[in-house]
């Protein structure tokens, strides 16, 4: 199977995680993945229900957002994904959702403060707030890159819009989207009980280092 074929199949499985994890409604949201060794990425087609997605329905795009292969229109967020891939060559996957709790923070115009160890582990601090931008061109992508470049968080809350996550692979980006919604819910519930106290920068650094370098199984 070609590299593009493998990415197409991978994206079918990863898109299934979004509704399974309660991160999307109807046809909203999308996942894309960079094609290894190529200046290409693969993304969800626009307006298709998740149950209808197949490997063949995925759309292959160049890094300028133009369609290279595929019979369907790509996601309306294609220009955003393309901009991220051009500006952040280390990124292998991008995810967009309107998951309820994280999007509520975006609607309130607030970053999610780092008040629990799970946030320090996964995000290395708060989940930042990006600027408001309209859909359809590179403006959202510019906001994502400007917010996340140099930041340890793989997630950004785009003001009044929703969540974008990045990762070294599409799988990592999906994981970040799942964890973003999880901590957004927990921190929201905690705030209903009283004022929040962020973890100290020293403790955040130690927790993030341990999680990044020692958690899980060593790779062969």
N, C-alpha and C. Protein backbone atom coordinates (compact mmCIF):
# COMPACT_ATOMS: atom_id res chain seq x y z
N UNK A 1 0.84 -1.19 0.00
CA UNK A 1 0.00 0.00 0.00
C UNK A 1 0.87 1.24 0.00
N UNK A 2 0.46 2.27 -0.71
CA UNK A 2 1.21 3.51 -0.77
C UNK A 2 1.09 4.27 0.55
N UNK A 3 1.98 5.26 0.73
CA UNK A 3 1.93 6.09 1.93
C UNK A 3 0.59 6.81 2.01
N UNK A 4 0.10 7.31 0.89
CA UNK A 4 -1.19 8.00 0.88
C UNK A 4 -2.31 7.04 1.27
N UNK A 5 -2.26 5.83 0.76
CA UNK A 5 -3.28 4.84 1.10
C UNK A 5 -3.30 4.52 2.58
N UNK A 6 -2.10 4.42 3.18
CA UNK A 6 -2.03 4.14 4.62
C UNK A 6 -2.62 5.29 5.42
N UNK A 7 -2.32 6.52 5.02
CA UNK A 7 -2.86 7.68 5.74
C UNK A 7 -4.37 7.75 5.59
N UNK A 8 -4.88 7.47 4.40
CA UNK A 8 -6.33 7.46 4.19
C UNK A 8 -7.01 6.48 5.17
N UNK A 9 -6.47 5.29 5.28
CA UNK A 9 -7.05 4.29 6.17
C UNK A 9 -6.94 4.71 7.64
N UNK A 10 -5.78 5.26 7.99
CA UNK A 10 -5.58 5.72 9.37
C UNK A 10 -6.62 6.77 9.74
N UNK A 11 -6.92 7.67 8.82
CA UNK A 11 -7.85 8.75 9.13
C UNK A 11 -9.28 8.26 9.31
N UNK A 12 -9.67 7.20 8.64
CA UNK A 12 -11.00 6.64 8.87
C UNK A 12 -11.12 6.21 10.33
N UNK A 13 -10.12 5.49 10.83
CA UNK A 13 -10.15 5.03 12.23
C UNK A 13 -10.09 6.20 13.20
N UNK A 14 -9.27 7.20 12.91
CA UNK A 14 -9.13 8.32 13.83
C UNK A 14 -10.38 9.19 13.86
N UNK A 15 -11.01 9.39 12.70
CA UNK A 15 -12.26 10.14 12.70
C UNK A 15 -13.34 9.44 13.53
N UNK A 16 -13.33 8.11 13.56
CA UNK A 16 -14.33 7.39 14.36
C UNK A 16 -14.17 7.68 15.85
N UNK A 17 -12.96 8.06 16.26
CA UNK A 17 -12.74 8.38 17.68
C UNK A 17 -13.47 9.65 18.10
N UNK A 18 -13.67 10.59 17.18
CA UNK A 18 -14.25 11.88 17.58
C UNK A 18 -15.68 11.73 18.08
N UNK A 19 -16.61 11.11 17.33
CA UNK A 19 -17.94 10.91 17.90
C UNK A 19 -17.94 9.92 19.06
N UNK A 20 -17.07 8.92 19.00
CA UNK A 20 -17.01 7.94 20.09
C UNK A 20 -16.64 8.60 21.41
N UNK A 21 -15.82 9.64 21.34
CA UNK A 21 -15.38 10.36 22.54
C UNK A 21 -16.26 11.56 22.86
N UNK A 22 -17.31 11.76 22.08
CA UNK A 22 -18.23 12.86 22.34
C UNK A 22 -17.66 14.23 22.01
N UNK A 23 -16.77 14.29 21.03
CA UNK A 23 -16.10 15.55 20.71
C UNK A 23 -16.75 16.32 19.57
N UNK A 24 -17.65 15.68 18.82
CA UNK A 24 -18.25 16.33 17.65
C UNK A 24 -19.74 16.03 17.58
N UNK A 25 -20.45 16.86 16.81
CA UNK A 25 -21.86 16.63 16.52
C UNK A 25 -22.07 16.64 15.01
N UNK A 26 -22.89 15.70 14.55
CA UNK A 26 -23.28 15.59 13.13
C UNK A 26 -22.04 15.52 12.24
N UNK A 27 -21.77 16.54 11.40
CA UNK A 27 -20.62 16.46 10.50
C UNK A 27 -19.48 17.41 10.91
N UNK A 28 -19.62 18.07 12.05
CA UNK A 28 -18.60 19.05 12.44
C UNK A 28 -17.30 18.36 12.83
N UNK A 29 -16.20 19.12 12.76
CA UNK A 29 -14.90 18.61 13.16
C UNK A 29 -14.17 17.90 12.04
N UNK A 30 -12.87 17.72 12.23
CA UNK A 30 -12.06 17.07 11.21
C UNK A 30 -10.69 16.70 11.76
N UNK A 31 -10.09 15.73 11.11
CA UNK A 31 -8.72 15.31 11.39
C UNK A 31 -7.96 15.34 10.07
N UNK A 32 -6.71 15.76 10.10
CA UNK A 32 -5.84 15.64 8.92
C UNK A 32 -4.51 15.04 9.35
N UNK A 33 -3.80 14.51 8.38
CA UNK A 33 -2.49 13.91 8.65
C UNK A 33 -1.54 14.22 7.50
N UNK A 34 -0.32 14.56 7.84
CA UNK A 34 0.71 14.78 6.83
C UNK A 34 1.12 13.43 6.23
N UNK A 35 1.37 13.41 4.92
CA UNK A 35 1.86 12.21 4.26
C UNK A 35 3.37 12.16 4.43
N UNK A 36 3.90 11.12 5.07
CA UNK A 36 5.35 11.06 5.33
C UNK A 36 6.17 11.17 4.04
N UNK A 37 7.16 12.05 4.07
CA UNK A 37 8.07 12.19 2.95
C UNK A 37 7.52 12.97 1.77
N UNK A 38 6.32 13.53 1.90
CA UNK A 38 5.71 14.26 0.79
C UNK A 38 5.22 15.62 1.29
N UNK A 39 5.11 16.58 0.40
CA UNK A 39 4.51 17.87 0.73
C UNK A 39 3.01 17.80 0.51
N UNK A 40 2.39 16.85 1.20
CA UNK A 40 0.97 16.56 1.06
C UNK A 40 0.37 16.27 2.43
N UNK A 41 -0.95 16.47 2.52
CA UNK A 41 -1.68 15.99 3.70
C UNK A 41 -3.04 15.48 3.25
N UNK A 42 -3.65 14.67 4.10
CA UNK A 42 -4.95 14.08 3.80
C UNK A 42 -5.93 14.59 4.85
N UNK A 43 -7.15 14.94 4.40
CA UNK A 43 -8.13 15.54 5.29
C UNK A 43 -9.53 15.02 4.99
N UNK A 44 -10.41 15.16 5.96
CA UNK A 44 -11.81 14.75 5.83
C UNK A 44 -12.52 15.59 4.76
N UNK A 45 -13.42 14.98 3.99
CA UNK A 45 -14.23 15.75 3.05
C UNK A 45 -15.27 16.59 3.79
N UNK A 46 -15.71 17.64 3.16
CA UNK A 46 -16.67 18.57 3.77
C UNK A 46 -18.07 17.97 3.82
N UNK A 47 -18.70 18.07 5.00
CA UNK A 47 -20.12 17.79 5.12
C UNK A 47 -20.54 16.33 5.13
N UNK A 48 -19.59 15.39 5.20
CA UNK A 48 -19.96 13.97 5.25
C UNK A 48 -20.12 13.54 6.71
N UNK A 49 -21.13 12.72 6.96
CA UNK A 49 -21.31 12.16 8.30
C UNK A 49 -20.20 11.16 8.58
N UNK A 50 -19.88 11.02 9.84
CA UNK A 50 -18.74 10.18 10.22
C UNK A 50 -18.98 8.72 9.82
N UNK A 51 -20.21 8.27 9.86
CA UNK A 51 -20.52 6.89 9.48
C UNK A 51 -20.33 6.64 7.99
N UNK A 52 -20.26 7.72 7.19
CA UNK A 52 -20.11 7.59 5.74
C UNK A 52 -18.66 7.65 5.28
N UNK A 53 -17.75 7.93 6.18
CA UNK A 53 -16.35 8.12 5.77
C UNK A 53 -15.70 6.81 5.38
N UNK A 54 -14.98 6.84 4.27
CA UNK A 54 -14.18 5.69 3.83
C UNK A 54 -12.79 6.19 3.46
N UNK A 55 -11.88 5.27 3.26
CA UNK A 55 -10.53 5.67 2.84
C UNK A 55 -10.59 6.43 1.52
N UNK A 56 -11.47 5.97 0.63
CA UNK A 56 -11.56 6.59 -0.69
C UNK A 56 -12.16 8.00 -0.64
N UNK A 57 -12.96 8.28 0.39
CA UNK A 57 -13.60 9.60 0.47
C UNK A 57 -12.66 10.68 0.99
N UNK A 58 -11.54 10.30 1.61
CA UNK A 58 -10.59 11.28 2.12
C UNK A 58 -9.95 12.04 0.95
N UNK A 59 -9.57 13.29 1.22
CA UNK A 59 -9.07 14.17 0.16
C UNK A 59 -7.59 14.47 0.40
N UNK A 60 -6.79 14.32 -0.64
CA UNK A 60 -5.36 14.60 -0.57
C UNK A 60 -5.12 16.02 -1.06
N UNK A 61 -4.39 16.79 -0.28
CA UNK A 61 -4.14 18.19 -0.62
C UNK A 61 -2.64 18.50 -0.59
N UNK A 62 -2.26 19.49 -1.38
CA UNK A 62 -0.91 20.04 -1.30
C UNK A 62 -0.85 21.01 -0.13
N UNK A 63 0.36 21.44 0.22
CA UNK A 63 0.52 22.31 1.37
C UNK A 63 0.01 23.72 1.13
N UNK A 64 -0.40 24.04 -0.09
CA UNK A 64 -1.07 25.32 -0.34
C UNK A 64 -2.59 25.18 -0.23
N UNK A 65 -3.06 23.97 0.13
CA UNK A 65 -4.47 23.72 0.29
C UNK A 65 -5.20 23.25 -0.94
N UNK A 66 -4.53 23.21 -2.08
CA UNK A 66 -5.18 22.76 -3.31
C UNK A 66 -5.36 21.24 -3.31
N UNK A 67 -6.43 20.78 -3.96
CA UNK A 67 -6.73 19.35 -4.01
C UNK A 67 -5.83 18.67 -5.03
N UNK A 68 -5.20 17.60 -4.60
CA UNK A 68 -4.33 16.80 -5.47
C UNK A 68 -5.03 15.53 -5.90
N UNK A 69 -5.83 14.97 -4.99
CA UNK A 69 -6.47 13.68 -5.28
C UNK A 69 -7.72 13.55 -4.43
N UNK A 70 -8.81 13.15 -5.08
CA UNK A 70 -10.06 12.96 -4.36
C UNK A 70 -11.22 13.54 -5.14
N UNK A 71 -12.37 12.86 -5.07
CA UNK A 71 -13.54 13.27 -5.84
C UNK A 71 -14.42 14.26 -5.08
N UNK A 72 -14.18 14.44 -3.78
CA UNK A 72 -15.05 15.27 -2.95
C UNK A 72 -14.34 16.56 -2.54
N UNK A 73 -15.14 17.56 -2.14
CA UNK A 73 -14.58 18.80 -1.62
C UNK A 73 -13.93 18.54 -0.27
N UNK A 74 -12.76 19.11 -0.01
CA UNK A 74 -12.15 18.93 1.31
C UNK A 74 -12.86 19.79 2.36
N UNK A 75 -12.54 19.54 3.60
CA UNK A 75 -13.09 20.30 4.72
C UNK A 75 -12.98 21.81 4.50
N UNK A 76 -13.94 22.54 5.06
CA UNK A 76 -13.88 24.00 5.00
C UNK A 76 -12.71 24.56 5.81
N UNK A 77 -12.09 23.71 6.63
CA UNK A 77 -10.92 24.13 7.42
C UNK A 77 -9.59 23.79 6.73
N UNK A 78 -9.64 23.40 5.47
CA UNK A 78 -8.43 22.95 4.78
C UNK A 78 -7.34 24.02 4.77
N UNK A 79 -7.70 25.27 4.51
CA UNK A 79 -6.69 26.33 4.48
C UNK A 79 -6.00 26.48 5.83
N UNK A 80 -6.76 26.27 6.91
CA UNK A 80 -6.18 26.33 8.26
C UNK A 80 -5.15 25.23 8.44
N UNK A 81 -5.53 24.00 8.12
CA UNK A 81 -4.61 22.87 8.27
C UNK A 81 -3.36 23.08 7.42
N UNK A 82 -3.56 23.53 6.18
CA UNK A 82 -2.44 23.73 5.27
C UNK A 82 -1.45 24.75 5.84
N UNK A 83 -1.97 25.83 6.40
CA UNK A 83 -1.09 26.85 6.96
C UNK A 83 -0.27 26.28 8.11
N UNK A 84 -0.91 25.50 8.98
CA UNK A 84 -0.18 24.89 10.11
C UNK A 84 0.94 23.99 9.60
N UNK A 85 0.65 23.17 8.60
CA UNK A 85 1.68 22.26 8.08
C UNK A 85 2.83 23.03 7.44
N UNK A 86 2.54 24.11 6.75
CA UNK A 86 3.60 24.89 6.13
C UNK A 86 4.49 25.57 7.16
N UNK A 87 3.88 26.09 8.20
CA UNK A 87 4.62 26.88 9.18
C UNK A 87 5.23 26.06 10.30
N UNK A 88 4.74 24.86 10.52
CA UNK A 88 5.22 24.01 11.62
C UNK A 88 5.57 22.63 11.05
N UNK A 89 6.73 22.49 10.47
CA UNK A 89 7.09 21.23 9.81
C UNK A 89 7.16 20.03 10.75
N UNK A 90 7.26 20.29 12.05
CA UNK A 90 7.30 19.19 13.01
C UNK A 90 5.92 18.58 13.25
N UNK A 91 4.86 19.24 12.80
CA UNK A 91 3.49 18.77 13.02
C UNK A 91 3.13 17.71 11.98
N UNK A 92 2.61 16.57 12.48
CA UNK A 92 2.20 15.50 11.58
C UNK A 92 0.71 15.29 11.53
N UNK A 93 -0.04 15.96 12.42
CA UNK A 93 -1.49 15.81 12.43
C UNK A 93 -2.15 17.01 13.08
N UNK A 94 -3.35 17.34 12.60
CA UNK A 94 -4.13 18.46 13.11
C UNK A 94 -5.56 17.99 13.30
N UNK A 95 -6.17 18.43 14.41
CA UNK A 95 -7.56 18.06 14.71
C UNK A 95 -8.34 19.33 15.06
N UNK A 96 -9.59 19.37 14.64
CA UNK A 96 -10.49 20.47 15.02
C UNK A 96 -11.79 19.90 15.54
N UNK A 97 -12.23 20.37 16.71
CA UNK A 97 -13.53 19.98 17.26
C UNK A 97 -14.22 21.20 17.86
N UNK A 98 -15.51 21.03 18.12
CA UNK A 98 -16.27 22.00 18.89
C UNK A 98 -16.74 21.32 20.18
N UNK A 99 -15.90 20.53 20.81
CA UNK A 99 -16.28 19.80 22.01
C UNK A 99 -16.80 20.77 23.07
N UNK A 100 -17.85 20.35 23.80
CA UNK A 100 -18.69 21.27 24.55
C UNK A 100 -17.95 22.07 25.63
N UNK A 101 -17.23 21.38 26.50
CA UNK A 101 -16.62 22.09 27.62
C UNK A 101 -15.46 22.98 27.17
N UNK A 102 -14.62 22.45 26.30
CA UNK A 102 -13.50 23.27 25.82
C UNK A 102 -14.00 24.47 25.02
N UNK A 103 -15.04 24.27 24.21
CA UNK A 103 -15.59 25.38 23.43
C UNK A 103 -16.27 26.39 24.34
N UNK A 104 -16.82 25.94 25.46
CA UNK A 104 -17.39 26.89 26.43
C UNK A 104 -16.32 27.84 26.96
N UNK A 105 -15.11 27.32 27.23
CA UNK A 105 -14.01 28.20 27.65
C UNK A 105 -13.66 29.17 26.52
N UNK A 106 -13.65 28.67 25.28
CA UNK A 106 -13.36 29.55 24.14
C UNK A 106 -14.42 30.64 24.00
N UNK A 107 -15.69 30.28 24.23
CA UNK A 107 -16.78 31.25 24.14
C UNK A 107 -16.67 32.30 25.24
N UNK A 108 -16.19 31.88 26.41
CA UNK A 108 -16.00 32.81 27.52
C UNK A 108 -14.75 33.68 27.34
N UNK A 109 -13.92 33.31 26.35
CA UNK A 109 -12.70 34.06 26.10
C UNK A 109 -11.65 33.86 27.17
N UNK A 110 -11.54 32.64 27.68
CA UNK A 110 -10.59 32.35 28.75
C UNK A 110 -9.71 31.15 28.40
N UNK A 111 -8.42 31.23 28.70
CA UNK A 111 -7.60 30.01 28.66
C UNK A 111 -8.01 29.09 29.81
N UNK A 112 -7.69 27.83 29.71
CA UNK A 112 -7.97 26.89 30.80
C UNK A 112 -6.75 26.87 31.72
N UNK A 113 -6.91 27.32 32.98
CA UNK A 113 -5.75 27.40 33.86
C UNK A 113 -5.25 26.01 34.27
N UNK A 114 -3.96 25.92 34.50
CA UNK A 114 -3.35 24.63 34.86
C UNK A 114 -3.46 24.43 36.37
N UNK A 115 -4.55 23.78 36.77
CA UNK A 115 -4.82 23.59 38.19
C UNK A 115 -4.83 22.11 38.60
N UNK A 116 -4.61 21.21 37.66
CA UNK A 116 -4.57 19.78 37.96
C UNK A 116 -3.35 19.15 37.30
N UNK A 117 -2.87 18.08 37.90
CA UNK A 117 -1.63 17.47 37.41
C UNK A 117 -1.78 16.91 36.00
N UNK A 118 -2.98 16.46 35.64
CA UNK A 118 -3.18 15.93 34.29
C UNK A 118 -2.91 16.98 33.23
N UNK A 119 -3.19 18.24 33.55
CA UNK A 119 -2.90 19.32 32.61
C UNK A 119 -1.41 19.57 32.51
N UNK A 120 -0.74 19.56 33.65
CA UNK A 120 0.72 19.74 33.63
C UNK A 120 1.37 18.62 32.83
N UNK A 121 0.90 17.40 33.04
CA UNK A 121 1.43 16.25 32.31
C UNK A 121 1.29 16.45 30.80
N UNK A 122 0.08 16.62 30.35
CA UNK A 122 -0.25 16.55 28.93
C UNK A 122 0.03 17.86 28.19
N UNK A 123 -0.20 18.99 28.85
CA UNK A 123 -0.16 20.28 28.16
C UNK A 123 0.99 21.18 28.62
N UNK A 124 1.65 20.82 29.70
CA UNK A 124 2.80 21.60 30.16
C UNK A 124 2.44 22.98 30.64
N UNK A 125 1.18 23.18 31.06
CA UNK A 125 0.73 24.47 31.52
C UNK A 125 -0.71 24.69 31.12
N UNK A 126 -1.14 25.94 31.08
CA UNK A 126 -2.51 26.24 30.69
C UNK A 126 -2.74 25.90 29.22
N UNK A 127 -4.01 25.73 28.86
CA UNK A 127 -4.37 25.60 27.45
C UNK A 127 -4.70 27.01 26.98
N UNK A 128 -3.91 27.55 26.06
CA UNK A 128 -4.02 28.97 25.73
C UNK A 128 -5.23 29.31 24.88
N UNK A 129 -5.56 30.60 24.90
CA UNK A 129 -6.64 31.14 24.09
C UNK A 129 -6.05 31.84 22.88
N UNK A 130 -6.54 31.45 21.70
CA UNK A 130 -6.12 32.11 20.47
C UNK A 130 -7.11 33.18 20.06
N UNK A 131 -6.78 33.96 19.05
CA UNK A 131 -7.64 35.08 18.64
C UNK A 131 -8.88 34.62 17.89
N UNK A 132 -9.87 35.50 17.82
CA UNK A 132 -11.04 35.24 16.99
C UNK A 132 -10.65 35.40 15.52
N UNK A 133 -11.15 34.50 14.69
CA UNK A 133 -10.89 34.56 13.26
C UNK A 133 -12.03 33.89 12.52
N UNK A 134 -12.37 34.40 11.35
CA UNK A 134 -13.43 33.82 10.55
C UNK A 134 -12.92 32.63 9.74
N UNK A 135 -13.83 31.70 9.47
CA UNK A 135 -13.50 30.50 8.72
C UNK A 135 -13.40 30.82 7.24
N UNK A 136 -12.51 30.11 6.53
CA UNK A 136 -12.51 30.20 5.08
C UNK A 136 -11.17 30.51 4.45
N UNK A 137 -10.25 31.11 5.22
CA UNK A 137 -8.93 31.38 4.66
C UNK A 137 -7.88 31.00 5.71
N UNK A 138 -6.71 31.61 5.62
CA UNK A 138 -5.60 31.22 6.50
C UNK A 138 -5.60 31.93 7.85
N UNK A 139 -6.59 32.79 8.11
CA UNK A 139 -6.55 33.60 9.32
C UNK A 139 -6.56 32.74 10.59
N UNK A 140 -7.36 31.69 10.61
CA UNK A 140 -7.38 30.80 11.78
C UNK A 140 -6.03 30.13 11.93
N UNK A 141 -5.46 29.66 10.84
CA UNK A 141 -4.14 29.02 10.89
C UNK A 141 -3.09 29.95 11.44
N UNK A 142 -3.13 31.21 11.04
CA UNK A 142 -2.16 32.18 11.56
C UNK A 142 -2.31 32.32 13.07
N UNK A 143 -3.56 32.34 13.54
CA UNK A 143 -3.79 32.45 14.98
C UNK A 143 -3.31 31.23 15.75
N UNK A 144 -3.52 30.05 15.17
CA UNK A 144 -3.06 28.82 15.82
C UNK A 144 -1.54 28.82 15.94
N UNK A 145 -0.86 29.10 14.84
CA UNK A 145 0.60 29.07 14.84
C UNK A 145 1.17 30.13 15.78
N UNK A 146 0.62 31.33 15.74
CA UNK A 146 1.13 32.39 16.60
C UNK A 146 0.95 32.06 18.07
N UNK A 147 -0.12 31.34 18.41
CA UNK A 147 -0.39 31.00 19.80
C UNK A 147 0.43 29.81 20.27
N UNK A 148 0.56 28.79 19.43
CA UNK A 148 1.21 27.55 19.86
C UNK A 148 2.71 27.51 19.62
N UNK A 149 3.23 28.34 18.73
CA UNK A 149 4.66 28.32 18.48
C UNK A 149 5.41 28.72 19.76
N UNK A 150 6.28 27.84 20.24
CA UNK A 150 7.00 28.10 21.47
C UNK A 150 6.23 27.75 22.73
N UNK A 151 5.01 27.26 22.59
CA UNK A 151 4.18 26.87 23.73
C UNK A 151 4.19 25.35 23.85
N UNK A 152 4.16 24.84 25.08
CA UNK A 152 4.19 23.39 25.25
C UNK A 152 2.83 22.74 24.97
N UNK A 153 1.77 23.50 25.04
CA UNK A 153 0.44 22.92 24.82
C UNK A 153 0.27 22.52 23.36
N UNK A 154 -0.27 21.30 23.12
CA UNK A 154 -0.64 20.92 21.75
C UNK A 154 -2.06 21.33 21.40
N UNK A 155 -2.72 22.07 22.29
CA UNK A 155 -4.11 22.48 22.07
C UNK A 155 -4.24 23.98 22.22
N UNK A 156 -5.12 24.57 21.42
CA UNK A 156 -5.44 25.99 21.53
C UNK A 156 -6.96 26.14 21.43
N UNK A 157 -7.49 27.03 22.24
CA UNK A 157 -8.90 27.38 22.17
C UNK A 157 -9.02 28.64 21.32
N UNK A 158 -9.59 28.52 20.14
CA UNK A 158 -9.77 29.68 19.29
C UNK A 158 -11.04 30.41 19.74
N UNK A 159 -10.88 31.67 20.08
CA UNK A 159 -11.95 32.45 20.72
C UNK A 159 -13.26 32.35 19.93
N UNK A 160 -14.33 32.03 20.67
CA UNK A 160 -15.69 31.95 20.12
C UNK A 160 -15.83 30.94 18.99
N UNK A 161 -14.93 29.97 18.93
CA UNK A 161 -14.96 28.99 17.83
C UNK A 161 -14.87 27.57 18.35
N UNK A 162 -13.71 27.14 18.79
CA UNK A 162 -13.55 25.76 19.22
C UNK A 162 -12.10 25.41 19.44
N UNK A 163 -11.81 24.14 19.35
CA UNK A 163 -10.50 23.59 19.71
C UNK A 163 -9.74 23.18 18.45
N UNK A 164 -8.46 23.51 18.40
CA UNK A 164 -7.54 22.93 17.43
C UNK A 164 -6.40 22.29 18.21
N UNK A 165 -6.00 21.10 17.79
CA UNK A 165 -4.86 20.43 18.40
C UNK A 165 -3.88 19.98 17.33
N UNK A 166 -2.63 19.88 17.74
CA UNK A 166 -1.57 19.43 16.84
C UNK A 166 -0.82 18.29 17.50
N UNK A 167 -0.05 17.54 16.69
CA UNK A 167 0.76 16.47 17.24
C UNK A 167 1.80 16.03 16.24
N UNK A 168 2.76 15.24 16.71
CA UNK A 168 3.76 14.70 15.80
C UNK A 168 3.13 13.70 14.83
N UNK A 169 1.94 13.24 15.17
CA UNK A 169 1.15 12.39 14.28
C UNK A 169 -0.31 12.75 14.48
N UNK A 170 -1.16 12.26 13.59
CA UNK A 170 -2.59 12.49 13.75
C UNK A 170 -3.12 11.82 15.00
N UNK A 171 -2.57 10.68 15.35
CA UNK A 171 -2.98 9.99 16.58
C UNK A 171 -2.70 10.85 17.80
N UNK A 172 -1.51 11.45 17.85
CA UNK A 172 -1.18 12.34 18.98
C UNK A 172 -2.11 13.55 19.02
N UNK A 173 -2.47 14.08 17.86
CA UNK A 173 -3.37 15.23 17.83
C UNK A 173 -4.77 14.85 18.31
N UNK A 174 -5.25 13.65 17.96
CA UNK A 174 -6.54 13.19 18.45
C UNK A 174 -6.50 13.00 19.96
N UNK A 175 -5.42 12.41 20.46
CA UNK A 175 -5.27 12.25 21.91
C UNK A 175 -5.34 13.60 22.61
N UNK A 176 -4.67 14.61 22.05
CA UNK A 176 -4.67 15.94 22.66
C UNK A 176 -6.09 16.51 22.69
N UNK A 177 -6.88 16.27 21.63
CA UNK A 177 -8.26 16.76 21.60
C UNK A 177 -9.11 16.07 22.66
N UNK A 178 -8.91 14.77 22.84
CA UNK A 178 -9.64 14.03 23.88
C UNK A 178 -9.28 14.56 25.26
N UNK A 179 -7.99 14.73 25.52
CA UNK A 179 -7.54 15.19 26.83
C UNK A 179 -7.93 16.64 27.09
N UNK A 180 -7.96 17.46 26.04
CA UNK A 180 -8.37 18.85 26.18
C UNK A 180 -9.80 18.92 26.70
N UNK A 181 -10.70 18.16 26.11
CA UNK A 181 -12.08 18.17 26.57
C UNK A 181 -12.20 17.62 27.99
N UNK A 182 -11.43 16.61 28.30
CA UNK A 182 -11.47 16.01 29.64
C UNK A 182 -11.08 17.02 30.71
N UNK A 183 -9.97 17.72 30.50
CA UNK A 183 -9.54 18.68 31.53
C UNK A 183 -10.42 19.93 31.52
N UNK A 184 -10.94 20.32 30.35
CA UNK A 184 -11.85 21.46 30.31
C UNK A 184 -13.08 21.22 31.18
N UNK A 185 -13.60 20.00 31.14
CA UNK A 185 -14.76 19.65 31.96
C UNK A 185 -14.40 19.64 33.43
N UNK A 186 -13.28 19.02 33.77
CA UNK A 186 -12.88 18.91 35.18
C UNK A 186 -12.64 20.29 35.78
N UNK A 187 -11.93 21.15 35.06
CA UNK A 187 -11.61 22.47 35.59
C UNK A 187 -12.87 23.33 35.69
N UNK A 188 -13.78 23.18 34.73
CA UNK A 188 -15.06 23.89 34.83
C UNK A 188 -15.82 23.47 36.09
N UNK A 189 -15.89 22.17 36.35
CA UNK A 189 -16.60 21.69 37.54
C UNK A 189 -15.92 22.18 38.81
N UNK A 190 -14.59 22.17 38.81
CA UNK A 190 -13.86 22.63 39.99
C UNK A 190 -14.15 24.10 40.28
N UNK A 191 -14.28 24.89 39.22
CA UNK A 191 -14.51 26.32 39.41
C UNK A 191 -15.90 26.60 40.01
N UNK A 192 -16.83 25.69 39.82
CA UNK A 192 -18.14 25.86 40.44
C UNK A 192 -18.08 25.71 41.95
N UNK A 193 -17.03 25.05 42.43
CA UNK A 193 -16.87 24.81 43.86
C UNK A 193 -16.11 25.91 44.57
N UNK A 194 -15.46 26.77 43.82
CA UNK A 194 -14.72 27.86 44.45
C UNK A 194 -13.56 28.32 43.60
N UNK A 195 -12.78 29.27 44.10
CA UNK A 195 -11.64 29.80 43.35
C UNK A 195 -10.61 28.71 43.05
N UNK A 196 -9.92 28.88 41.92
CA UNK A 196 -8.91 27.92 41.48
C UNK A 196 -7.51 28.45 41.79
N UNK A 197 -6.62 27.55 42.14
CA UNK A 197 -5.23 27.91 42.40
C UNK A 197 -4.33 27.19 41.41
N UNK A 198 -3.73 27.90 40.46
CA UNK A 198 -2.85 27.24 39.49
C UNK A 198 -1.66 26.56 40.17
N UNK A 199 -1.20 25.46 39.58
CA UNK A 199 0.02 24.81 40.06
C UNK A 199 1.21 25.74 39.86
N UNK A 200 2.22 25.58 40.69
CA UNK A 200 3.41 26.42 40.55
C UNK A 200 4.16 26.05 39.28
N UNK A 201 4.81 27.01 38.63
CA UNK A 201 5.60 26.71 37.43
C UNK A 201 6.62 25.60 37.66
N UNK A 202 7.23 25.58 38.84
CA UNK A 202 8.22 24.54 39.15
C UNK A 202 7.58 23.16 39.12
N UNK A 203 6.42 23.03 39.76
CA UNK A 203 5.74 21.73 39.78
C UNK A 203 5.25 21.34 38.38
N UNK A 204 4.77 22.32 37.62
CA UNK A 204 4.34 22.04 36.25
C UNK A 204 5.51 21.51 35.43
N UNK A 205 6.67 22.13 35.55
CA UNK A 205 7.85 21.68 34.81
C UNK A 205 8.22 20.25 35.18
N UNK A 206 8.22 19.95 36.46
CA UNK A 206 8.60 18.60 36.91
C UNK A 206 7.59 17.56 36.42
N UNK A 207 6.32 17.87 36.53
CA UNK A 207 5.30 16.93 36.10
C UNK A 207 5.36 16.70 34.59
N UNK A 208 5.53 17.77 33.83
CA UNK A 208 5.57 17.63 32.37
C UNK A 208 6.81 16.85 31.93
N UNK A 209 7.93 17.09 32.57
CA UNK A 209 9.15 16.36 32.23
C UNK A 209 8.99 14.87 32.53
N UNK A 210 8.42 14.54 33.69
CA UNK A 210 8.23 13.13 34.04
C UNK A 210 7.31 12.44 33.04
N UNK A 211 6.22 13.10 32.71
CA UNK A 211 5.26 12.51 31.79
C UNK A 211 5.84 12.36 30.39
N UNK A 212 6.59 13.38 29.97
CA UNK A 212 7.14 13.38 28.62
C UNK A 212 8.24 12.34 28.44
N UNK A 213 9.07 12.15 29.46
CA UNK A 213 10.27 11.34 29.30
C UNK A 213 10.23 9.99 30.01
N UNK A 214 9.28 9.78 30.93
CA UNK A 214 9.32 8.54 31.71
C UNK A 214 8.00 7.76 31.72
N UNK A 215 6.90 8.39 31.35
CA UNK A 215 5.60 7.73 31.39
C UNK A 215 5.47 6.74 30.24
N UNK A 216 4.76 5.62 30.49
CA UNK A 216 4.48 4.66 29.43
C UNK A 216 5.62 3.70 29.19
N UNK A 217 5.53 2.97 28.10
CA UNK A 217 6.52 1.95 27.77
C UNK A 217 7.61 2.52 26.87
N UNK A 218 8.82 2.05 27.09
CA UNK A 218 9.91 2.48 26.22
C UNK A 218 9.70 1.91 24.83
N UNK A 219 10.00 2.75 23.84
CA UNK A 219 9.87 2.30 22.45
C UNK A 219 11.10 1.52 22.01
N UNK A 220 10.87 0.41 21.33
CA UNK A 220 11.99 -0.41 20.86
C UNK A 220 12.73 0.31 19.73
